[in-house]
N, C-alpha and C. Protein backbone atom coordinates (compact mmCIF):
# COMPACT_ATOMS: atom_id res chain seq x y z
N MET A 1 -18.38 7.01 47.72
CA MET A 1 -17.22 6.17 47.61
C MET A 1 -17.03 5.81 46.15
N SER A 2 -15.88 6.11 45.60
CA SER A 2 -15.61 5.74 44.22
C SER A 2 -15.31 4.25 44.16
N GLU A 3 -14.87 3.75 43.03
CA GLU A 3 -14.67 2.32 42.85
C GLU A 3 -13.33 1.89 43.43
N PRO A 4 -13.28 1.50 44.69
CA PRO A 4 -12.00 1.19 45.33
C PRO A 4 -11.37 -0.08 44.81
N TYR A 5 -12.16 -0.97 44.20
CA TYR A 5 -11.61 -2.26 43.79
C TYR A 5 -11.56 -2.39 42.27
N ALA A 6 -11.75 -1.29 41.56
CA ALA A 6 -11.84 -1.36 40.12
C ALA A 6 -10.53 -1.81 39.48
N HIS A 7 -9.42 -1.59 40.13
CA HIS A 7 -8.12 -1.95 39.54
C HIS A 7 -7.31 -2.77 40.52
N ALA A 8 -7.78 -3.98 40.77
CA ALA A 8 -7.07 -4.84 41.72
C ALA A 8 -5.66 -5.11 41.21
N ALA A 9 -4.71 -5.06 42.11
CA ALA A 9 -3.32 -5.33 41.74
C ALA A 9 -3.20 -6.76 41.23
N GLU A 10 -2.10 -7.03 40.57
CA GLU A 10 -1.97 -8.30 39.88
C GLU A 10 -1.44 -9.43 40.74
N SER A 11 -0.88 -9.17 41.90
CA SER A 11 -0.35 -10.27 42.70
C SER A 11 -1.50 -11.13 43.21
N PRO A 12 -1.26 -12.43 43.36
CA PRO A 12 -2.33 -13.31 43.86
C PRO A 12 -2.87 -12.84 45.22
N GLU A 13 -1.98 -12.38 46.09
CA GLU A 13 -2.43 -11.93 47.41
C GLU A 13 -3.33 -10.70 47.29
N ALA A 14 -2.98 -9.77 46.42
CA ALA A 14 -3.80 -8.57 46.22
C ALA A 14 -5.16 -8.94 45.63
N ARG A 15 -5.18 -9.92 44.73
CA ARG A 15 -6.44 -10.37 44.14
C ARG A 15 -7.33 -10.99 45.22
N ARG A 16 -6.74 -11.83 46.07
CA ARG A 16 -7.52 -12.44 47.16
C ARG A 16 -8.02 -11.37 48.14
N THR A 17 -7.18 -10.40 48.45
CA THR A 17 -7.58 -9.33 49.36
C THR A 17 -8.77 -8.56 48.79
N ALA A 18 -8.72 -8.23 47.51
CA ALA A 18 -9.83 -7.52 46.87
C ALA A 18 -11.10 -8.37 46.92
N LEU A 19 -10.97 -9.65 46.63
CA LEU A 19 -12.10 -10.56 46.66
C LEU A 19 -12.71 -10.63 48.07
N PHE A 20 -11.86 -10.85 49.07
CA PHE A 20 -12.35 -11.00 50.44
C PHE A 20 -12.96 -9.71 50.96
N THR A 21 -12.41 -8.57 50.55
CA THR A 21 -12.96 -7.28 50.99
C THR A 21 -14.38 -7.10 50.50
N VAL A 22 -14.62 -7.40 49.22
CA VAL A 22 -15.96 -7.26 48.66
C VAL A 22 -16.89 -8.30 49.26
N LEU A 23 -16.44 -9.54 49.37
CA LEU A 23 -17.29 -10.59 49.95
C LEU A 23 -17.72 -10.22 51.36
N GLY A 24 -16.84 -9.63 52.14
CA GLY A 24 -17.16 -9.24 53.50
C GLY A 24 -18.24 -8.18 53.59
N GLN A 25 -18.54 -7.51 52.48
CA GLN A 25 -19.57 -6.46 52.47
C GLN A 25 -20.95 -6.97 52.11
N VAL A 26 -21.07 -8.21 51.65
CA VAL A 26 -22.38 -8.75 51.28
C VAL A 26 -23.20 -8.93 52.56
N PRO A 27 -24.32 -8.23 52.65
CA PRO A 27 -25.09 -8.26 53.90
C PRO A 27 -25.89 -9.55 54.08
N PRO A 28 -26.22 -9.87 55.32
CA PRO A 28 -27.07 -11.03 55.58
C PRO A 28 -28.37 -10.93 54.80
N GLY A 29 -28.83 -12.07 54.31
CA GLY A 29 -30.09 -12.10 53.55
C GLY A 29 -29.92 -11.77 52.09
N LYS A 30 -28.69 -11.50 51.66
CA LYS A 30 -28.41 -11.19 50.26
C LYS A 30 -27.41 -12.19 49.71
N VAL A 31 -27.44 -12.40 48.41
CA VAL A 31 -26.49 -13.28 47.74
C VAL A 31 -25.85 -12.54 46.58
N VAL A 32 -24.71 -13.06 46.15
CA VAL A 32 -23.97 -12.51 45.02
C VAL A 32 -23.50 -13.69 44.19
N THR A 33 -23.44 -13.54 42.87
CA THR A 33 -22.95 -14.64 42.05
C THR A 33 -21.42 -14.60 42.01
N TYR A 34 -20.83 -15.72 41.65
CA TYR A 34 -19.37 -15.77 41.52
C TYR A 34 -18.88 -14.71 40.54
N GLY A 35 -19.56 -14.58 39.41
CA GLY A 35 -19.17 -13.60 38.40
C GLY A 35 -19.32 -12.17 38.88
N GLN A 36 -20.42 -11.89 39.56
CA GLN A 36 -20.64 -10.54 40.08
C GLN A 36 -19.58 -10.20 41.12
N LEU A 37 -19.24 -11.16 41.97
CA LEU A 37 -18.23 -10.94 43.00
C LEU A 37 -16.88 -10.62 42.34
N ALA A 38 -16.53 -11.37 41.31
CA ALA A 38 -15.27 -11.12 40.60
C ALA A 38 -15.27 -9.71 40.01
N GLU A 39 -16.35 -9.35 39.38
CA GLU A 39 -16.45 -8.03 38.75
C GLU A 39 -16.37 -6.91 39.78
N LEU A 40 -17.09 -7.04 40.88
CA LEU A 40 -17.08 -6.01 41.92
C LEU A 40 -15.69 -5.85 42.56
N ALA A 41 -14.92 -6.95 42.58
CA ALA A 41 -13.58 -6.91 43.15
C ALA A 41 -12.54 -6.43 42.13
N GLY A 42 -13.00 -6.08 40.93
CA GLY A 42 -12.08 -5.59 39.91
C GLY A 42 -11.27 -6.69 39.26
N LEU A 43 -11.81 -7.90 39.26
CA LEU A 43 -11.07 -9.04 38.73
C LEU A 43 -11.60 -9.52 37.38
N GLY A 44 -12.47 -8.74 36.78
CA GLY A 44 -12.98 -9.10 35.46
C GLY A 44 -13.83 -10.35 35.50
N ARG A 45 -13.63 -11.18 34.49
CA ARG A 45 -14.45 -12.38 34.34
C ARG A 45 -13.75 -13.58 34.98
N ALA A 46 -13.58 -13.52 36.28
CA ALA A 46 -12.81 -14.54 37.00
C ALA A 46 -13.70 -15.39 37.92
N ALA A 47 -14.92 -15.69 37.47
CA ALA A 47 -15.86 -16.42 38.31
C ALA A 47 -15.30 -17.77 38.76
N ARG A 48 -14.67 -18.49 37.87
CA ARG A 48 -14.14 -19.81 38.25
C ARG A 48 -13.01 -19.67 39.26
N TRP A 49 -12.18 -18.66 39.10
CA TRP A 49 -11.10 -18.40 40.06
C TRP A 49 -11.69 -18.11 41.43
N VAL A 50 -12.75 -17.31 41.46
CA VAL A 50 -13.43 -17.00 42.72
C VAL A 50 -13.90 -18.29 43.39
N GLY A 51 -14.49 -19.18 42.61
CA GLY A 51 -14.96 -20.45 43.16
C GLY A 51 -13.82 -21.28 43.74
N ARG A 52 -12.69 -21.32 43.04
CA ARG A 52 -11.54 -22.08 43.54
C ARG A 52 -11.02 -21.49 44.85
N VAL A 53 -10.91 -20.17 44.90
CA VAL A 53 -10.40 -19.52 46.12
C VAL A 53 -11.34 -19.76 47.29
N LEU A 54 -12.64 -19.62 47.06
CA LEU A 54 -13.59 -19.84 48.15
C LEU A 54 -13.59 -21.29 48.61
N GLY A 55 -13.35 -22.20 47.69
CA GLY A 55 -13.28 -23.61 48.04
C GLY A 55 -12.09 -23.96 48.91
N GLN A 56 -11.11 -23.07 48.96
CA GLN A 56 -9.91 -23.29 49.76
C GLN A 56 -9.94 -22.56 51.11
N LEU A 57 -11.05 -21.89 51.41
CA LEU A 57 -11.14 -21.19 52.69
C LEU A 57 -11.06 -22.19 53.84
N PRO A 58 -10.42 -21.79 54.94
CA PRO A 58 -10.39 -22.69 56.10
C PRO A 58 -11.79 -22.86 56.67
N ALA A 59 -12.01 -23.99 57.32
CA ALA A 59 -13.34 -24.31 57.87
C ALA A 59 -13.84 -23.25 58.85
N ASP A 60 -12.92 -22.57 59.52
CA ASP A 60 -13.33 -21.58 60.51
C ASP A 60 -13.38 -20.15 59.96
N SER A 61 -13.38 -20.01 58.65
CA SER A 61 -13.42 -18.68 58.04
C SER A 61 -14.68 -17.94 58.46
N ARG A 62 -14.52 -16.66 58.74
CA ARG A 62 -15.66 -15.83 59.10
C ARG A 62 -16.25 -15.11 57.90
N LEU A 63 -15.66 -15.31 56.72
CA LEU A 63 -16.21 -14.70 55.51
C LEU A 63 -17.55 -15.36 55.17
N PRO A 64 -18.50 -14.59 54.65
CA PRO A 64 -19.82 -15.15 54.34
C PRO A 64 -19.83 -15.89 52.99
N TRP A 65 -19.03 -16.93 52.88
CA TRP A 65 -18.92 -17.71 51.65
C TRP A 65 -20.25 -18.29 51.20
N HIS A 66 -21.13 -18.53 52.16
CA HIS A 66 -22.42 -19.14 51.85
C HIS A 66 -23.33 -18.22 51.04
N ARG A 67 -22.98 -16.94 50.96
CA ARG A 67 -23.81 -15.97 50.22
C ARG A 67 -23.42 -15.90 48.75
N VAL A 68 -22.49 -16.73 48.32
CA VAL A 68 -22.05 -16.73 46.92
C VAL A 68 -22.71 -17.91 46.21
N VAL A 69 -23.38 -17.59 45.10
CA VAL A 69 -24.14 -18.60 44.35
C VAL A 69 -23.74 -18.55 42.88
N GLY A 70 -24.15 -19.57 42.17
CA GLY A 70 -23.87 -19.62 40.73
C GLY A 70 -24.80 -18.71 39.95
N ALA A 71 -24.55 -18.64 38.66
CA ALA A 71 -25.34 -17.80 37.77
C ALA A 71 -26.83 -18.13 37.91
N GLY A 72 -27.64 -17.11 37.91
CA GLY A 72 -29.09 -17.30 38.00
C GLY A 72 -29.57 -17.73 39.37
N GLY A 73 -28.70 -17.68 40.38
CA GLY A 73 -29.10 -18.05 41.72
C GLY A 73 -28.94 -19.52 42.03
N ARG A 74 -28.31 -20.26 41.13
CA ARG A 74 -28.13 -21.71 41.33
C ARG A 74 -27.12 -21.96 42.45
N LEU A 75 -27.47 -22.88 43.34
CA LEU A 75 -26.53 -23.28 44.39
C LEU A 75 -25.58 -24.30 43.79
N SER A 76 -24.29 -23.99 43.83
CA SER A 76 -23.32 -24.87 43.17
C SER A 76 -22.80 -25.96 44.09
N LEU A 77 -23.01 -25.83 45.40
CA LEU A 77 -22.62 -26.89 46.32
C LEU A 77 -23.75 -27.91 46.39
N ALA A 78 -23.44 -29.16 46.17
CA ALA A 78 -24.46 -30.20 46.10
C ALA A 78 -25.19 -30.38 47.43
N ALA A 79 -26.48 -30.60 47.32
CA ALA A 79 -27.27 -30.91 48.51
C ALA A 79 -26.79 -32.26 49.04
N SER A 80 -27.03 -32.49 50.31
CA SER A 80 -26.63 -33.73 50.98
C SER A 80 -25.12 -33.91 51.06
N THR A 81 -24.38 -32.80 50.98
CA THR A 81 -22.95 -32.81 51.29
C THR A 81 -22.80 -31.88 52.49
N PRO A 82 -21.76 -32.06 53.30
CA PRO A 82 -21.63 -31.17 54.47
C PRO A 82 -21.62 -29.69 54.10
N SER A 83 -20.85 -29.30 53.10
CA SER A 83 -20.78 -27.87 52.76
C SER A 83 -22.08 -27.40 52.11
N GLY A 84 -22.70 -28.24 51.29
CA GLY A 84 -23.96 -27.87 50.66
C GLY A 84 -25.07 -27.70 51.68
N ASP A 85 -25.13 -28.64 52.64
CA ASP A 85 -26.15 -28.54 53.69
C ASP A 85 -25.91 -27.30 54.56
N GLU A 86 -24.64 -27.02 54.84
CA GLU A 86 -24.33 -25.84 55.66
C GLU A 86 -24.72 -24.56 54.94
N GLN A 87 -24.42 -24.48 53.63
CA GLN A 87 -24.79 -23.30 52.87
C GLN A 87 -26.30 -23.08 52.90
N ARG A 88 -27.06 -24.11 52.66
CA ARG A 88 -28.52 -23.99 52.65
C ARG A 88 -29.05 -23.58 54.03
N ALA A 89 -28.50 -24.17 55.08
CA ALA A 89 -28.94 -23.84 56.45
C ALA A 89 -28.62 -22.38 56.78
N ARG A 90 -27.41 -21.93 56.42
CA ARG A 90 -27.03 -20.54 56.71
C ARG A 90 -27.91 -19.56 55.93
N LEU A 91 -28.16 -19.85 54.66
CA LEU A 91 -29.00 -18.96 53.86
C LEU A 91 -30.41 -18.90 54.44
N ARG A 92 -30.97 -20.04 54.76
CA ARG A 92 -32.33 -20.06 55.32
C ARG A 92 -32.39 -19.32 56.65
N ALA A 93 -31.34 -19.44 57.46
CA ALA A 93 -31.29 -18.74 58.75
C ALA A 93 -31.29 -17.23 58.56
N GLU A 94 -30.83 -16.77 57.39
CA GLU A 94 -30.81 -15.33 57.08
C GLU A 94 -32.06 -14.89 56.34
N GLY A 95 -33.02 -15.80 56.16
CA GLY A 95 -34.27 -15.45 55.50
C GLY A 95 -34.25 -15.61 53.99
N VAL A 96 -33.22 -16.24 53.46
CA VAL A 96 -33.14 -16.46 52.01
C VAL A 96 -33.91 -17.74 51.68
N GLU A 97 -34.86 -17.63 50.77
CA GLU A 97 -35.64 -18.79 50.37
C GLU A 97 -34.85 -19.62 49.37
N VAL A 98 -34.73 -20.90 49.64
CA VAL A 98 -34.05 -21.84 48.74
C VAL A 98 -35.10 -22.80 48.22
N SER A 99 -35.24 -22.86 46.89
CA SER A 99 -36.23 -23.73 46.28
C SER A 99 -35.66 -24.30 44.98
N ASN A 100 -35.79 -25.60 44.81
CA ASN A 100 -35.28 -26.27 43.61
C ASN A 100 -33.81 -25.95 43.37
N ASN A 101 -33.03 -25.95 44.44
CA ASN A 101 -31.58 -25.73 44.36
C ASN A 101 -31.21 -24.33 43.86
N ARG A 102 -32.11 -23.37 44.06
CA ARG A 102 -31.88 -22.00 43.63
C ARG A 102 -32.37 -21.01 44.68
N VAL A 103 -31.83 -19.80 44.58
CA VAL A 103 -32.36 -18.68 45.35
C VAL A 103 -32.84 -17.63 44.35
N GLY A 104 -33.81 -16.85 44.74
CA GLY A 104 -34.33 -15.82 43.85
C GLY A 104 -33.41 -14.60 43.82
N ILE A 105 -32.71 -14.43 42.71
CA ILE A 105 -31.79 -13.30 42.57
C ILE A 105 -32.56 -11.98 42.60
N ALA A 106 -33.74 -11.95 42.00
CA ALA A 106 -34.50 -10.70 41.97
C ALA A 106 -34.81 -10.22 43.39
N ARG A 107 -35.09 -11.16 44.27
CA ARG A 107 -35.44 -10.80 45.65
C ARG A 107 -34.22 -10.70 46.57
N HIS A 108 -33.28 -11.64 46.42
CA HIS A 108 -32.18 -11.73 47.37
C HIS A 108 -30.83 -11.29 46.81
N GLY A 109 -30.78 -10.90 45.54
CA GLY A 109 -29.50 -10.50 44.97
C GLY A 109 -29.00 -9.19 45.57
N TRP A 110 -27.70 -9.13 45.81
CA TRP A 110 -27.08 -7.93 46.38
C TRP A 110 -26.79 -6.94 45.28
N ARG A 111 -27.26 -5.73 45.47
CA ARG A 111 -26.99 -4.62 44.54
C ARG A 111 -26.32 -3.53 45.35
N PRO A 112 -24.98 -3.53 45.40
CA PRO A 112 -24.28 -2.62 46.30
C PRO A 112 -24.58 -1.15 46.05
N MET A 113 -24.89 -0.76 44.85
CA MET A 113 -25.16 0.65 44.58
C MET A 113 -26.45 1.10 45.27
N GLU A 114 -27.39 0.18 45.50
CA GLU A 114 -28.63 0.54 46.20
C GLU A 114 -28.38 0.76 47.68
N HIS A 115 -27.30 0.16 48.20
CA HIS A 115 -27.04 0.25 49.63
C HIS A 115 -26.05 1.35 49.99
N SER A 116 -25.42 1.95 48.99
CA SER A 116 -24.45 3.01 49.27
C SER A 116 -25.11 4.36 49.04
N GLY A 117 -24.95 5.24 49.99
CA GLY A 117 -25.43 6.60 49.91
C GLY A 117 -26.46 6.78 48.91
C-alpha cells in the first residue's frame, strides 16, 4: 500500500476524514502521538489541530481517541477528570502500562510500517 494519506485535501472535512481514517487503524495496545497522527494523515505539523478535533468528538464516538498521547508518551488528559480517567482505564484494559502520567512509547508506540506487509 503506498501512502494513501500523504496529500490530504485542503478542505476541513477532508482533513478530518484523513485524520479519522488513520486513527481508526491504530490497533489495541498501541498508542500514537498527536504529531505522529498528523504526519501519518498527511497533515504535516498539525499536532495541536489534531488535539482540538479529537476534543470535539461526540461522547459516543467509536474512534480510539484514547490511544492518542502527547510527545514522549505523556498523557495530556488530566488524571481525576472524567475523560482522563476513561483514557487511562481504556489503555490499561488494552494492556498498555501507564506510569507517572506516561506510557512507554518504545513498547507501546504504533509503527504502522512494521504492521503492513
